[in-house]
C-alpha atoms as a PDB file:
ATOM      1  CA  MET A   1      19.957 101.729  65.682  1.00  0.00           C
ATOM      2  CA  LYS A   2      22.940 103.920  66.463  1.00  0.00           C
ATOM      3  CA  LYS A   3      26.287 102.945  64.982  1.00  0.00           C
ATOM      4  CA  VAL A   4      29.154 103.524  67.433  1.00  0.00           C
ATOM      5  CA  LEU A   5      32.925 103.363  67.785  1.00  0.00           C
ATOM      6  CA  ILE A   6      33.993 102.322  71.286  1.00  0.00           C
ATOM      7  CA  GLU A   7      37.563 102.698  72.532  1.00  0.00           C
ATOM      8  CA  TRP A   8      38.207 100.419  75.502  1.00  0.00           C
ATOM      9  CA  ASN A   9      40.813  98.496  77.475  1.00  0.00           C
ATOM     10  CA  ASP A  10      40.896  94.713  77.724  1.00  0.00           C
ATOM     11  CA  THR A  11      42.942  92.411  79.915  1.00  0.00           C
ATOM     12  CA  GLY A  12      46.169  90.913  78.616  1.00  0.00           C
ATOM     13  CA  VAL A  13      46.644  87.149  78.952  1.00  0.00           C
ATOM     14  CA  ILE A  14      49.560  84.838  78.157  1.00  0.00           C
ATOM     15  CA  HIS A  15      48.957  81.101  78.409  1.00  0.00           C
ATOM     16  CA  GLY A  16      51.379  78.552  79.793  1.00  0.00           C
ATOM     17  CA  TRP A  17      54.468  78.716  81.961  1.00  0.00           C
ATOM     18  CA  LEU A  18      56.792  81.706  81.587  1.00  0.00           C
ATOM     19  CA  CYS A  19      59.229  83.764  83.614  1.00  0.00           C
ATOM     20  CA  GLN A  20      57.980  86.719  85.658  1.00  0.00           C
ATOM     21  CA  GLU A  21      59.917  89.202  83.513  1.00  0.00           C
ATOM     22  CA  SER A  22      57.950  88.372  80.324  1.00  0.00           C
ATOM     23  CA  ASN A  23      56.550  91.366  78.435  1.00  0.00           C
ATOM     24  CA  GLY A  24      52.988  90.034  78.129  1.00  0.00           C
ATOM     25  CA  ASP A  25      51.536  91.803  81.150  1.00  0.00           C
ATOM     26  CA  SER A  26      50.170  94.834  79.319  1.00  0.00           C
ATOM     27  CA  ILE A  27      46.602  96.001  78.851  1.00  0.00           C
ATOM     28  CA  ALA A  28      45.231  95.707  75.307  1.00  0.00           C
ATOM     29  CA  HIS A  29      43.868  98.974  73.883  1.00  0.00           C
ATOM     30  CA  CYS A  30      40.923  98.092  71.631  1.00  0.00           C
ATOM     31  CA  GLU A  31      38.455  99.682  69.241  1.00  0.00           C
ATOM     32  CA  SER A  32      35.111  98.112  68.347  1.00  0.00           C
ATOM     33  CA  VAL A  33      32.540  99.303  65.816  1.00  0.00           C
ATOM     34  CA  GLY A  34      28.947  98.099  65.929  1.00  0.00           C
ATOM     35  CA  PHE A  35      25.267  98.740  66.421  1.00  0.00           C
ATOM     36  CA  LEU A  36      24.324  99.897  69.942  1.00  0.00           C
ATOM     37  CA  ILE A  37      21.862  97.405  71.446  1.00  0.00           C
ATOM     38  CA  LYS A  38      21.897  98.261  75.153  1.00  0.00           C
ATOM     39  CA  GLU A  39      23.495 100.849  77.422  1.00  0.00           C
ATOM     40  CA  ASN A  40      23.252 101.042  81.218  1.00  0.00           C
ATOM     41  CA  ASP A  41      25.390 101.820  84.293  1.00  0.00           C
ATOM     42  CA  GLU A  42      27.157  98.444  84.070  1.00  0.00           C
ATOM     43  CA  GLY A  43      28.183  98.501  80.422  1.00  0.00           C
ATOM     44  CA  ILE A  44      27.398  98.749  76.745  1.00  0.00           C
ATOM     45  CA  THR A  45      26.269  95.964  74.417  1.00  0.00           C
ATOM     46  CA  ILE A  46      26.851  96.176  70.680  1.00  0.00           C
ATOM     47  CA  CYS A  47      26.375  93.757  67.813  1.00  0.00           C
ATOM     48  CA  PHE A  48      28.224  93.483  64.534  1.00  0.00           C
ATOM     49  CA  GLY A  49      25.298  92.801  62.216  1.00  0.00           C
ATOM     50  CA  ILE A  50      21.507  93.160  62.029  1.00  0.00           C
ATOM     51  CA  SER A  51      19.217  91.270  59.649  1.00  0.00           C
ATOM     52  CA  ASP A  52      15.954  92.464  58.094  1.00  0.00           C
ATOM     53  CA  GLN A  53      14.242  89.871  60.334  1.00  0.00           C
ATOM     54  CA  GLY A  54      15.459  91.557  63.534  1.00  0.00           C
ATOM     55  CA  LEU A  55      18.216  89.039  64.263  1.00  0.00           C
ATOM     56  CA  VAL A  56      21.603  90.223  65.550  1.00  0.00           C
ATOM     57  CA  MET A  57      25.087  88.755  65.035  1.00  0.00           C
ATOM     58  CA  GLU A  58      28.042  88.590  67.433  1.00  0.00           C
ATOM     59  CA  LYS A  59      26.946  90.491  70.535  1.00  0.00           C
ATOM     60  CA  LYS A  60      29.693  91.980  72.737  1.00  0.00           C
ATOM     61  CA  THR A  61      29.212  93.562  76.170  1.00  0.00           C
ATOM     62  CA  ILE A  62      31.958  95.884  77.405  1.00  0.00           C
ATOM     63  CA  PRO A  63      32.026  96.819  81.117  1.00  0.00           C
ATOM     64  CA  ARG A  64      31.607 100.556  81.742  1.00  0.00           C
ATOM     65  CA  GLY A  65      34.927 100.770  83.657  1.00  0.00           C
ATOM     66  CA  CYS A  66      36.863  99.544  80.587  1.00  0.00           C
ATOM     67  CA  ILE A  67      35.393 102.135  78.197  1.00  0.00           C
ATOM     68  CA  LYS A  68      37.556 105.138  77.328  1.00  0.00           C
ATOM     69  CA  SER A  69      35.281 106.797  74.754  1.00  0.00           C
ATOM     70  CA  ILE A  70      32.119 106.290  72.700  1.00  0.00           C
ATOM     71  CA  LYS A  71      31.532 108.072  69.420  1.00  0.00           C
ATOM     72  CA  GLU A  72      28.353 107.889  67.374  1.00  0.00           C
ATOM     73  CA  LEU A  73      29.111 107.205  63.708  1.00  0.00           C
ATOM     74  CA  ARG A  74      27.149 108.848  60.926  1.00  0.00           C
ATOM     75  CA  LEU A  75      27.420 106.823  57.743  1.00  0.00           C
ATOM     76  CA  LYS A  76      26.190 108.019  54.357  1.00  0.00           C
END
């Protein structure tokens, strides 16, 4: 499987009551590294671990509109 680095934007959330002028209304700029499982027009799914039995750990799907860049990683 390909190993990838994905740069993407996520929503910012602050819980509870607060004034409108609070500084928590920014978009979170994220980076995720993982094994590419699925890629289509809607998004990309990666996982963070693969076992020798074909099991995967911690799947994450990122919507295509949130993705800023995808880089294939070549590890030695």
